[in-house]
Amino acid sequence: MQAEIIQVTGMTCGGCTSNVTQALKTVNGVNDVTVSLSDGKATVQYDEKLTSPEQLKSAVIGAGYGVDTSNTAQQSQGKGCCG
């Protein structure tokens, strides 16, 4: 089991965290997902034999949110669920 922390941009409400959680849970190999609106992070426990960090990030982007690949905060990317 591996853990990946994804910096998610574009989340503005609890509905957004639910959308990101559901998108990540649909990825084959994902065991557990915790999404924090206040931190803008998704922590994912996954089986590295079944999926990869790139696939996890693609799921977030596919749900309409952005992924911040730098270590600095940026303005929201992606539409999210509210805007």
N, C-alpha and C. Protein backbone atom coordinates (compact mmCIF):
# COMPACT_ATOMS: atom_id res chain seq x y z
N MET A 1 0.85 -1.19 0.00
CA MET A 1 0.00 0.00 0.00
C MET A 1 0.88 1.25 0.00
N GLN A 2 0.51 2.20 -0.80
CA GLN A 2 1.21 3.48 -0.89
C GLN A 2 0.27 4.59 -0.47
N ALA A 3 0.83 5.73 -0.11
CA ALA A 3 0.03 6.92 0.19
C ALA A 3 0.47 8.04 -0.72
N GLU A 4 -0.50 8.79 -1.21
CA GLU A 4 -0.23 9.95 -2.07
C GLU A 4 -1.03 11.12 -1.54
N ILE A 5 -0.38 12.26 -1.40
CA ILE A 5 -1.08 13.49 -1.03
C ILE A 5 -1.15 14.36 -2.27
N ILE A 6 -2.38 14.70 -2.66
CA ILE A 6 -2.60 15.50 -3.87
C ILE A 6 -3.12 16.85 -3.45
N GLN A 7 -2.46 17.91 -3.91
CA GLN A 7 -2.91 19.28 -3.67
C GLN A 7 -4.00 19.58 -4.70
N VAL A 8 -5.24 19.71 -4.23
CA VAL A 8 -6.38 19.90 -5.13
C VAL A 8 -6.78 21.37 -5.13
N THR A 9 -6.94 21.94 -6.31
CA THR A 9 -7.36 23.33 -6.43
C THR A 9 -8.79 23.37 -6.97
N GLY A 10 -9.50 24.44 -6.63
CA GLY A 10 -10.85 24.63 -7.14
C GLY A 10 -11.94 24.15 -6.21
N MET A 11 -11.59 23.57 -5.06
CA MET A 11 -12.62 23.13 -4.12
C MET A 11 -13.10 24.33 -3.29
N THR A 12 -14.43 24.49 -3.20
CA THR A 12 -14.97 25.64 -2.48
C THR A 12 -15.98 25.27 -1.40
N CYS A 13 -16.41 23.99 -1.36
CA CYS A 13 -17.45 23.61 -0.40
C CYS A 13 -17.40 22.12 -0.11
N GLY A 14 -18.26 21.67 0.79
CA GLY A 14 -18.33 20.26 1.13
C GLY A 14 -18.72 19.39 -0.05
N GLY A 15 -19.52 19.94 -0.96
CA GLY A 15 -19.88 19.19 -2.16
C GLY A 15 -18.66 18.89 -3.01
N CYS A 16 -17.74 19.84 -3.04
CA CYS A 16 -16.50 19.63 -3.80
C CYS A 16 -15.69 18.49 -3.20
N THR A 17 -15.59 18.47 -1.86
CA THR A 17 -14.82 17.39 -1.23
C THR A 17 -15.47 16.04 -1.52
N SER A 18 -16.80 16.00 -1.54
CA SER A 18 -17.50 14.76 -1.87
C SER A 18 -17.22 14.33 -3.30
N ASN A 19 -17.23 15.29 -4.22
CA ASN A 19 -16.97 14.99 -5.63
C ASN A 19 -15.56 14.43 -5.81
N VAL A 20 -14.58 15.05 -5.16
CA VAL A 20 -13.19 14.59 -5.28
C VAL A 20 -13.05 13.20 -4.65
N THR A 21 -13.67 13.01 -3.49
CA THR A 21 -13.62 11.71 -2.82
C THR A 21 -14.19 10.62 -3.72
N GLN A 22 -15.36 10.86 -4.29
CA GLN A 22 -16.00 9.86 -5.14
C GLN A 22 -15.17 9.59 -6.40
N ALA A 23 -14.60 10.64 -6.98
CA ALA A 23 -13.79 10.45 -8.19
C ALA A 23 -12.58 9.57 -7.89
N LEU A 24 -11.95 9.80 -6.74
CA LEU A 24 -10.78 9.00 -6.39
C LEU A 24 -11.15 7.57 -6.02
N LYS A 25 -12.29 7.39 -5.38
CA LYS A 25 -12.71 6.04 -4.98
C LYS A 25 -13.06 5.16 -6.18
N THR A 26 -13.34 5.76 -7.33
CA THR A 26 -13.66 4.97 -8.52
C THR A 26 -12.41 4.41 -9.19
N VAL A 27 -11.23 4.90 -8.80
CA VAL A 27 -9.99 4.42 -9.41
C VAL A 27 -9.68 3.03 -8.84
N ASN A 28 -9.44 2.09 -9.74
CA ASN A 28 -9.11 0.72 -9.33
C ASN A 28 -7.83 0.73 -8.49
N GLY A 29 -7.88 0.10 -7.33
CA GLY A 29 -6.71 0.01 -6.46
C GLY A 29 -6.73 0.98 -5.30
N VAL A 30 -7.66 1.93 -5.30
CA VAL A 30 -7.74 2.90 -4.20
C VAL A 30 -8.41 2.22 -3.01
N ASN A 31 -7.76 2.32 -1.85
CA ASN A 31 -8.26 1.69 -0.64
C ASN A 31 -8.97 2.69 0.26
N ASP A 32 -8.42 3.89 0.42
CA ASP A 32 -8.99 4.88 1.33
C ASP A 32 -8.69 6.28 0.81
N VAL A 33 -9.65 7.19 1.01
CA VAL A 33 -9.50 8.58 0.57
C VAL A 33 -9.96 9.49 1.69
N THR A 34 -9.15 10.51 1.98
CA THR A 34 -9.54 11.57 2.91
C THR A 34 -9.27 12.90 2.22
N VAL A 35 -10.31 13.73 2.09
CA VAL A 35 -10.16 15.02 1.43
C VAL A 35 -10.43 16.13 2.44
N SER A 36 -9.51 17.09 2.50
CA SER A 36 -9.65 18.23 3.42
C SER A 36 -9.87 19.50 2.62
N LEU A 37 -11.03 20.11 2.82
CA LEU A 37 -11.33 21.37 2.14
C LEU A 37 -10.41 22.47 2.64
N SER A 38 -10.20 22.54 3.96
CA SER A 38 -9.39 23.62 4.53
C SER A 38 -7.93 23.56 4.09
N ASP A 39 -7.40 22.35 3.93
CA ASP A 39 -6.02 22.20 3.48
C ASP A 39 -5.89 22.11 1.97
N GLY A 40 -7.01 21.83 1.30
CA GLY A 40 -6.98 21.66 -0.15
C GLY A 40 -6.20 20.43 -0.56
N LYS A 41 -6.27 19.38 0.27
CA LYS A 41 -5.49 18.18 -0.01
C LYS A 41 -6.36 16.94 0.01
N ALA A 42 -5.98 15.99 -0.81
CA ALA A 42 -6.58 14.67 -0.81
C ALA A 42 -5.47 13.68 -0.47
N THR A 43 -5.70 12.88 0.55
CA THR A 43 -4.76 11.84 0.93
C THR A 43 -5.36 10.51 0.50
N VAL A 44 -4.61 9.77 -0.31
CA VAL A 44 -5.12 8.55 -0.92
C VAL A 44 -4.21 7.38 -0.57
N GLN A 45 -4.80 6.32 -0.04
CA GLN A 45 -4.10 5.06 0.18
C GLN A 45 -4.45 4.16 -1.01
N TYR A 46 -3.44 3.64 -1.69
CA TYR A 46 -3.71 2.86 -2.90
C TYR A 46 -2.69 1.74 -3.08
N ASP A 47 -3.07 0.77 -3.89
CA ASP A 47 -2.20 -0.34 -4.25
C ASP A 47 -1.41 0.06 -5.48
N GLU A 48 -0.11 0.21 -5.30
CA GLU A 48 0.75 0.69 -6.39
C GLU A 48 0.82 -0.30 -7.56
N LYS A 49 0.37 -1.53 -7.37
CA LYS A 49 0.34 -2.50 -8.46
C LYS A 49 -0.87 -2.29 -9.37
N LEU A 50 -1.88 -1.57 -8.86
CA LEU A 50 -3.12 -1.39 -9.61
C LEU A 50 -3.32 0.02 -10.16
N THR A 51 -2.65 1.01 -9.57
CA THR A 51 -2.81 2.38 -10.04
C THR A 51 -1.55 3.17 -9.75
N SER A 52 -1.53 4.42 -10.19
CA SER A 52 -0.34 5.27 -10.03
C SER A 52 -0.78 6.67 -9.61
N PRO A 53 0.16 7.46 -9.09
CA PRO A 53 -0.19 8.84 -8.75
C PRO A 53 -0.74 9.62 -9.95
N GLU A 54 -0.24 9.33 -11.14
CA GLU A 54 -0.73 10.03 -12.34
C GLU A 54 -2.20 9.72 -12.59
N GLN A 55 -2.60 8.46 -12.38
CA GLN A 55 -4.00 8.10 -12.56
C GLN A 55 -4.89 8.76 -11.51
N LEU A 56 -4.38 8.88 -10.30
CA LEU A 56 -5.13 9.55 -9.24
C LEU A 56 -5.35 11.01 -9.59
N LYS A 57 -4.30 11.67 -10.05
CA LYS A 57 -4.41 13.08 -10.43
C LYS A 57 -5.35 13.25 -11.62
N SER A 58 -5.32 12.31 -12.55
CA SER A 58 -6.22 12.37 -13.70
C SER A 58 -7.68 12.27 -13.26
N ALA A 59 -7.94 11.47 -12.23
CA ALA A 59 -9.31 11.34 -11.72
C ALA A 59 -9.79 12.66 -11.12
N VAL A 60 -8.91 13.35 -10.41
CA VAL A 60 -9.26 14.65 -9.83
C VAL A 60 -9.55 15.66 -10.94
N ILE A 61 -8.70 15.69 -11.94
CA ILE A 61 -8.87 16.61 -13.07
C ILE A 61 -10.15 16.25 -13.83
N GLY A 62 -10.42 14.97 -14.01
CA GLY A 62 -11.63 14.53 -14.69
C GLY A 62 -12.90 14.93 -13.96
N ALA A 63 -12.80 15.11 -12.65
CA ALA A 63 -13.96 15.53 -11.85
C ALA A 63 -14.16 17.05 -11.90
N GLY A 64 -13.26 17.77 -12.58
CA GLY A 64 -13.43 19.21 -12.76
C GLY A 64 -12.61 20.07 -11.82
N TYR A 65 -11.60 19.48 -11.20
CA TYR A 65 -10.75 20.22 -10.27
C TYR A 65 -9.33 20.25 -10.80
N GLY A 66 -8.52 21.12 -10.23
CA GLY A 66 -7.14 21.22 -10.64
C GLY A 66 -6.24 20.49 -9.66
N VAL A 67 -5.02 20.22 -10.12
CA VAL A 67 -4.00 19.59 -9.28
C VAL A 67 -2.80 20.50 -9.31
N ASP A 68 -2.38 20.93 -8.13
CA ASP A 68 -1.21 21.80 -8.01
C ASP A 68 0.02 20.92 -7.85
N THR A 69 0.87 20.90 -8.86
CA THR A 69 2.05 20.05 -8.82
C THR A 69 3.27 20.77 -8.25
N SER A 70 3.14 22.05 -7.95
CA SER A 70 4.23 22.78 -7.31
C SER A 70 4.01 22.74 -5.80
N ASN A 71 4.94 23.27 -5.06
CA ASN A 71 4.81 23.31 -3.61
C ASN A 71 4.30 24.65 -3.11
N THR A 72 3.86 25.50 -4.02
CA THR A 72 3.36 26.81 -3.62
C THR A 72 1.88 26.90 -3.93
N ALA A 73 1.17 27.65 -3.11
CA ALA A 73 -0.26 27.83 -3.34
C ALA A 73 -0.47 28.68 -4.58
N GLN A 74 -1.44 28.31 -5.37
CA GLN A 74 -1.77 29.06 -6.57
C GLN A 74 -3.26 29.37 -6.53
N GLN A 75 -3.68 30.24 -7.42
CA GLN A 75 -5.11 30.51 -7.53
C GLN A 75 -5.79 29.25 -8.02
N SER A 76 -7.07 29.16 -7.71
CA SER A 76 -7.84 27.97 -8.05
C SER A 76 -7.80 27.67 -9.53
N GLN A 77 -7.61 26.39 -9.82
CA GLN A 77 -7.67 25.91 -11.19
C GLN A 77 -8.82 24.92 -11.24
N GLY A 78 -9.42 24.81 -12.35
CA GLY A 78 -10.56 23.92 -12.46
C GLY A 78 -11.84 24.64 -12.04
N LYS A 79 -12.97 24.10 -12.45
CA LYS A 79 -14.25 24.74 -12.20
C LYS A 79 -14.84 24.38 -10.86
N GLY A 80 -14.53 23.20 -10.36
CA GLY A 80 -15.17 22.77 -9.11
C GLY A 80 -16.66 22.53 -9.33
N CYS A 81 -17.39 22.46 -8.24
CA CYS A 81 -18.82 22.18 -8.37
C CYS A 81 -19.67 23.44 -8.24
N CYS A 82 -19.08 24.52 -7.79
CA CYS A 82 -19.85 25.73 -7.48
C CYS A 82 -19.57 26.89 -8.40
N GLY A 83 -18.61 26.78 -9.27
CA GLY A 83 -18.32 27.95 -10.06
C GLY A 83 -17.65 27.66 -11.27
